[in-house]
Each structure stands twice: as structure tokens, then as C-alpha cells.
């Protein structure tokens, strides 16, 4: 699978220019960025959260760690991590663990990190562990324009410094 059908239909319907990039099999967004020779800050990762009102996908650069407290404060919701079985249902045309940052295509709420608001290019999981979607940063920001945005993540160094 080069790109999940739900994601492809979404991008095509909105007439977004993109291309796909193949890379060796990887498990994490940071591994993917390295294998695909993509700058870590341009590779997105998506973390799915939930509460009694539903799901929220948090999108950030691959080299950052989500700060759950910042997201819950920003959205004023008591969110926690969604389980793997739930992700298989939400992203039924994607491989386990290959959650696309463009989760609005799946009808989910999304919050994205301010660290992505100025990147020139963006790389997104295409729905498997072998392909990425590449688009210009301007098109990514167009897709995310009406979604909540805040600082919801930080580099590992900063995150560990806060909690020590």
C-alpha cells in the first residue's frame, strides 16, 4: 500500500499537491525521518488521545514529545492515550502504528503544534511503515488552518528538564 485510500481521497478531493516517498520499513516517526533522509522537524507524528467526548489527534514534529498536560489545558478536556485496538478501528485502512497526521480525513478532531507553522516541507505517514506523503508547508497549513494550534510538545531535552 503506497497511501491509505481514505487519505488519498481526502487529499485528492481538496486538490492538494503531494508526492509519496518510499523508505525502508520503520516503526517510529524518528526512525522514518532518518531512513527517508528527512529533517526530523519536518516529519510529523500523530498521537491519538481520547476522553468521554471522543478522540483528538495531536500532531507534532517527530523529534518532539507530546506534553499531555499542555494539550488537556489547551482543549480543556481530560484526555488520555487511546489504546491500540481503538486505533485499528479508527484507522482501518492503515497499518497498526502508522497513524496519519491528516486525521481529519478520518473525521477526527485534530490539534497541531506551533512548531510546524513555519516548516517549508511536511512529511506525513501515508498509512503504512514504508511510505510518506510529502507536501509543501503552505499546503499543510491550509489543511490545518481552522484547527486548534498551540505549543503541545517539546524536545526530549526540554521535556525531561521540566519533569525532573
C-alpha atoms as a PDB file:
ATOM      1  CA  UNK A   1       0.000   0.000   0.000  1.00  0.00           C
ATOM      2  CA  UNK A   2       1.527   3.316  -1.026  1.00  0.00           C
ATOM      3  CA  UNK A   3      -1.099   5.531   0.615  1.00  0.00           C
ATOM      4  CA  UNK A   4      -4.239   4.756   2.613  1.00  0.00           C
ATOM      5  CA  UNK A   5      -7.330   5.162   0.421  1.00  0.00           C
ATOM      6  CA  UNK A   6      -9.097   7.425   2.942  1.00  0.00           C
ATOM      7  CA  UNK A   7      -6.103   9.747   2.966  1.00  0.00           C
ATOM      8  CA  UNK A   8      -5.706   9.683  -0.826  1.00  0.00           C
ATOM      9  CA  UNK A   9      -9.388  10.504  -1.357  1.00  0.00           C
ATOM     10  CA  UNK A  10      -9.178  13.361   1.152  1.00  0.00           C
ATOM     11  CA  UNK A  11      -6.127  14.945  -0.481  1.00  0.00           C
ATOM     12  CA  UNK A  12      -7.460  14.460  -3.998  1.00  0.00           C
ATOM     13  CA  UNK A  13     -10.865  15.913  -3.097  1.00  0.00           C
ATOM     14  CA  UNK A  14      -9.194  19.022  -1.652  1.00  0.00           C
ATOM     15  CA  UNK A  15      -6.838  19.200  -4.656  1.00  0.00           C
ATOM     16  CA  UNK A  16      -3.703  19.206  -2.518  1.00  0.00           C
ATOM     17  CA  UNK A  17      -0.418  18.673  -4.332  1.00  0.00           C
ATOM     18  CA  UNK A  18       1.650  15.909  -2.776  1.00  0.00           C
ATOM     19  CA  UNK A  19       4.005  13.152  -3.659  1.00  0.00           C
ATOM     20  CA  UNK A  20       4.918   9.916  -1.939  1.00  0.00           C
ATOM     21  CA  UNK A  21       8.309   8.856  -0.731  1.00  0.00           C
ATOM     22  CA  UNK A  22       9.257   5.239  -0.178  1.00  0.00           C
ATOM     23  CA  UNK A  23      11.637   4.288   2.648  1.00  0.00           C
ATOM     24  CA  UNK A  24      12.845   1.149   4.436  1.00  0.00           C
ATOM     25  CA  UNK A  25      10.447  -0.352   6.988  1.00  0.00           C
ATOM     26  CA  UNK A  26      10.454   1.612  10.259  1.00  0.00           C
ATOM     27  CA  UNK A  27       8.419   1.636  13.465  1.00  0.00           C
ATOM     28  CA  UNK A  28       8.703   5.197  14.810  1.00  0.00           C
ATOM     29  CA  UNK A  29       8.447   8.648  13.234  1.00  0.00           C
ATOM     30  CA  UNK A  30      12.042   9.468  14.141  1.00  0.00           C
ATOM     31  CA  UNK A  31      13.279   6.205  12.579  1.00  0.00           C
ATOM     32  CA  UNK A  32      11.222   7.014   9.495  1.00  0.00           C
ATOM     33  CA  UNK A  33      12.712  10.502   9.184  1.00  0.00           C
ATOM     34  CA  UNK A  34      16.224   9.102   9.419  1.00  0.00           C
ATOM     35  CA  UNK A  35      15.553   6.246   6.962  1.00  0.00           C
ATOM     36  CA  UNK A  36      13.921   8.625   4.463  1.00  0.00           C
ATOM     37  CA  UNK A  37      16.620  11.299   4.956  1.00  0.00           C
ATOM     38  CA  UNK A  38      14.005  13.822   6.052  1.00  0.00           C
ATOM     39  CA  UNK A  39      14.708  16.581   8.611  1.00  0.00           C
ATOM     40  CA  UNK A  40      13.278  15.488  11.975  1.00  0.00           C
ATOM     41  CA  UNK A  41      11.404  18.766  12.474  1.00  0.00           C
ATOM     42  CA  UNK A  42       9.586  18.314   9.125  1.00  0.00           C
ATOM     43  CA  UNK A  43       8.488  14.724   9.813  1.00  0.00           C
ATOM     44  CA  UNK A  44       5.184  14.695  11.689  1.00  0.00           C
ATOM     45  CA  UNK A  45       3.965  12.211  14.216  1.00  0.00           C
ATOM     46  CA  UNK A  46       0.419  11.792  15.427  1.00  0.00           C
ATOM     47  CA  UNK A  47      -0.627  10.771  18.926  1.00  0.00           C
ATOM     48  CA  UNK A  48      -4.259   9.772  19.438  1.00  0.00           C
ATOM     49  CA  UNK A  49      -5.906  10.861  22.670  1.00  0.00           C
ATOM     50  CA  UNK A  50      -9.408  10.318  23.984  1.00  0.00           C
ATOM     51  CA  UNK A  51     -11.918  11.204  26.657  1.00  0.00           C
ATOM     52  CA  UNK A  52     -15.640  10.607  27.104  1.00  0.00           C
ATOM     53  CA  UNK A  53     -16.368  13.118  24.308  1.00  0.00           C
ATOM     54  CA  UNK A  54     -14.290  11.311  21.695  1.00  0.00           C
ATOM     55  CA  UNK A  55     -10.875  11.320  20.073  1.00  0.00           C
ATOM     56  CA  UNK A  56      -8.325  14.044  19.407  1.00  0.00           C
ATOM     57  CA  UNK A  57      -5.206  13.560  17.317  1.00  0.00           C
ATOM     58  CA  UNK A  58      -2.196  15.614  18.422  1.00  0.00           C
ATOM     59  CA  UNK A  59       0.228  16.380  15.591  1.00  0.00           C
ATOM     60  CA  UNK A  60       3.816  17.466  16.226  1.00  0.00           C
ATOM     61  CA  UNK A  61       7.336  17.200  14.799  1.00  0.00           C
ATOM     62  CA  UNK A  62       8.860  13.729  15.115  1.00  0.00           C
ATOM     63  CA  UNK A  63      11.704  14.967  17.314  1.00  0.00           C
ATOM     64  CA  UNK A  64       9.324  16.306  19.971  1.00  0.00           C
ATOM     65  CA  UNK A  65       7.460  14.632  22.794  1.00  0.00           C
ATOM     66  CA  UNK A  66       3.806  15.342  23.454  1.00  0.00           C
ATOM     67  CA  UNK A  67       3.102  17.130  26.698  1.00  0.00           C
ATOM     68  CA  UNK A  68      -0.313  15.715  27.632  1.00  0.00           C
ATOM     69  CA  UNK A  69      -0.871  18.371  30.283  1.00  0.00           C
ATOM     70  CA  UNK A  70      -0.440  21.153  27.713  1.00  0.00           C
ATOM     71  CA  UNK A  71      -2.983  19.525  25.386  1.00  0.00           C
ATOM     72  CA  UNK A  72      -5.550  18.942  28.132  1.00  0.00           C
ATOM     73  CA  UNK A  73      -5.157  22.545  29.310  1.00  0.00           C
ATOM     74  CA  UNK A  74      -5.408  23.957  25.786  1.00  0.00           C
ATOM     75  CA  UNK A  75      -8.525  21.955  24.909  1.00  0.00           C
ATOM     76  CA  UNK A  76      -9.920  21.926  28.460  1.00  0.00           C
ATOM     77  CA  UNK A  77     -10.568  18.189  28.233  1.00  0.00           C
ATOM     78  CA  UNK A  78      -9.347  15.319  30.461  1.00  0.00           C
ATOM     79  CA  UNK A  79      -7.594  13.453  27.641  1.00  0.00           C
ATOM     80  CA  UNK A  80      -5.535  10.264  27.856  1.00  0.00           C
ATOM     81  CA  UNK A  81      -3.858   7.978  25.321  1.00  0.00           C
ATOM     82  CA  UNK A  82      -6.147   5.876  23.142  1.00  0.00           C
ATOM     83  CA  UNK A  83      -5.497   2.131  23.052  1.00  0.00           C
ATOM     84  CA  UNK A  84      -4.025   0.187  20.117  1.00  0.00           C
ATOM     85  CA  UNK A  85      -7.275  -1.742  19.465  1.00  0.00           C
ATOM     86  CA  UNK A  86      -9.119   1.586  19.172  1.00  0.00           C
ATOM     87  CA  UNK A  87      -6.558   2.846  16.641  1.00  0.00           C
ATOM     88  CA  UNK A  88      -7.146  -0.204  14.436  1.00  0.00           C
ATOM     89  CA  UNK A  89     -10.842   0.698  14.278  1.00  0.00           C
ATOM     90  CA  UNK A  90     -10.272   4.444  13.734  1.00  0.00           C
ATOM     91  CA  UNK A  91      -7.660   3.932  11.004  1.00  0.00           C
ATOM     92  CA  UNK A  92      -8.961   0.712   9.476  1.00  0.00           C
ATOM     93  CA  UNK A  93      -7.125   1.191   6.164  1.00  0.00           C
ATOM     94  CA  UNK A  94      -3.772   1.844   7.864  1.00  0.00           C
ATOM     95  CA  UNK A  95      -1.203  -0.490   9.337  1.00  0.00           C
ATOM     96  CA  UNK A  96      -1.008  -0.560  13.144  1.00  0.00           C
ATOM     97  CA  UNK A  97       1.156   2.302  14.384  1.00  0.00           C
ATOM     98  CA  UNK A  98       1.120   4.242  11.092  1.00  0.00           C
ATOM     99  CA  UNK A  99      -1.340   6.965  12.143  1.00  0.00           C
ATOM    100  CA  UNK A 100      -1.520   9.783   9.562  1.00  0.00           C
ATOM    101  CA  UNK A 101      -1.244  13.339  10.853  1.00  0.00           C
ATOM    102  CA  UNK A 102      -4.060  14.340   8.495  1.00  0.00           C
ATOM    103  CA  UNK A 103      -6.552  12.573  10.751  1.00  0.00           C
ATOM    104  CA  UNK A 104      -9.319  14.957   9.798  1.00  0.00           C
ATOM    105  CA  UNK A 105      -9.638  12.704   6.745  1.00  0.00           C
ATOM    106  CA  UNK A 106     -10.955  10.100   9.205  1.00  0.00           C
ATOM    107  CA  UNK A 107     -13.444  12.512  10.790  1.00  0.00           C
ATOM    108  CA  UNK A 108     -11.331  13.064  13.902  1.00  0.00           C
ATOM    109  CA  UNK A 109     -10.592  16.234  15.806  1.00  0.00           C
ATOM    110  CA  UNK A 110      -7.008  17.428  15.490  1.00  0.00           C
ATOM    111  CA  UNK A 111      -4.754  19.821  17.386  1.00  0.00           C
ATOM    112  CA  UNK A 112      -1.397  20.660  15.881  1.00  0.00           C
ATOM    113  CA  UNK A 113       1.805  22.010  17.287  1.00  0.00           C
ATOM    114  CA  UNK A 114       3.043  25.555  16.700  1.00  0.00           C
ATOM    115  CA  UNK A 115       6.460  24.086  15.869  1.00  0.00           C
ATOM    116  CA  UNK A 116       5.017  23.113  12.465  1.00  0.00           C
ATOM    117  CA  UNK A 117       3.673  26.533  11.500  1.00  0.00           C
ATOM    118  CA  UNK A 118       6.803  27.676   9.640  1.00  0.00           C
ATOM    119  CA  UNK A 119       8.281  24.494   8.153  1.00  0.00           C
ATOM    120  CA  UNK A 120       8.912  24.609   4.408  1.00  0.00           C
ATOM    121  CA  UNK A 121       8.030  20.950   3.777  1.00  0.00           C
ATOM    122  CA  UNK A 122       5.990  18.419   5.728  1.00  0.00           C
ATOM    123  CA  UNK A 123       6.207  14.620   5.703  1.00  0.00           C
ATOM    124  CA  UNK A 124       3.297  12.523   6.960  1.00  0.00           C
ATOM    125  CA  UNK A 125       2.764   8.800   7.497  1.00  0.00           C
ATOM    126  CA  UNK A 126       0.874   7.504   4.457  1.00  0.00           C
ATOM    127  CA  UNK A 127      -0.797   4.677   6.375  1.00  0.00           C
ATOM    128  CA  UNK A 128       1.940   2.059   6.323  1.00  0.00           C
ATOM    129  CA  UNK A 129       5.523   1.744   7.516  1.00  0.00           C
ATOM    130  CA  UNK A 130       7.074   2.106   4.045  1.00  0.00           C
ATOM    131  CA  UNK A 131       5.701   5.350   2.574  1.00  0.00           C
ATOM    132  CA  UNK A 132       5.426   9.028   3.409  1.00  0.00           C
ATOM    133  CA  UNK A 133       3.310  11.794   1.974  1.00  0.00           C
ATOM    134  CA  UNK A 134       5.340  14.893   1.189  1.00  0.00           C
ATOM    135  CA  UNK A 135       3.725  18.286   0.719  1.00  0.00           C
ATOM    136  CA  UNK A 136       4.811  21.875   0.963  1.00  0.00           C
ATOM    137  CA  UNK A 137       4.347  23.521   4.332  1.00  0.00           C
ATOM    138  CA  UNK A 138       1.908  26.030   2.885  1.00  0.00           C
ATOM    139  CA  UNK A 139      -0.462  23.256   1.769  1.00  0.00           C
ATOM    140  CA  UNK A 140      -0.171  21.574   5.179  1.00  0.00           C
ATOM    141  CA  UNK A 141      -1.040  24.842   6.934  1.00  0.00           C
ATOM    142  CA  UNK A 142      -4.002  25.288   4.563  1.00  0.00           C
ATOM    143  CA  UNK A 143      -5.316  21.859   5.590  1.00  0.00           C
ATOM    144  CA  UNK A 144      -4.839  22.687   9.280  1.00  0.00           C
ATOM    145  CA  UNK A 145      -5.903  26.360   9.160  1.00  0.00           C
ATOM    146  CA  UNK A 146      -9.188  26.071  11.044  1.00  0.00           C
ATOM    147  CA  UNK A 147      -7.951  23.513  13.574  1.00  0.00           C
ATOM    148  CA  UNK A 148      -6.693  24.358  17.061  1.00  0.00           C
ATOM    149  CA  UNK A 149      -2.960  25.038  17.257  1.00  0.00           C
ATOM    150  CA  UNK A 150      -0.719  25.569  20.269  1.00  0.00           C
ATOM    151  CA  UNK A 151       2.586  24.532  21.760  1.00  0.00           C
ATOM    152  CA  UNK A 152       1.730  20.968  22.736  1.00  0.00           C
ATOM    153  CA  UNK A 153       5.157  19.359  22.527  1.00  0.00           C
ATOM    154  CA  UNK A 154       8.808  19.975  23.261  1.00  0.00           C
ATOM    155  CA  UNK A 155      12.133  18.380  22.519  1.00  0.00           C
ATOM    156  CA  UNK A 156      13.101  15.453  24.720  1.00  0.00           C
ATOM    157  CA  UNK A 157      15.740  17.546  26.490  1.00  0.00           C
ATOM    158  CA  UNK A 158      13.194  20.197  27.433  1.00  0.00           C
ATOM    159  CA  UNK A 159      10.513  17.674  28.393  1.00  0.00           C
ATOM    160  CA  UNK A 160      12.818  15.798  30.738  1.00  0.00           C
ATOM    161  CA  UNK A 161      14.087  19.042  32.252  1.00  0.00           C
ATOM    162  CA  UNK A 162      10.522  20.124  33.110  1.00  0.00           C
ATOM    163  CA  UNK A 163       9.662  16.910  34.932  1.00  0.00           C
ATOM    164  CA  UNK A 164      12.913  16.284  36.811  1.00  0.00           C
END
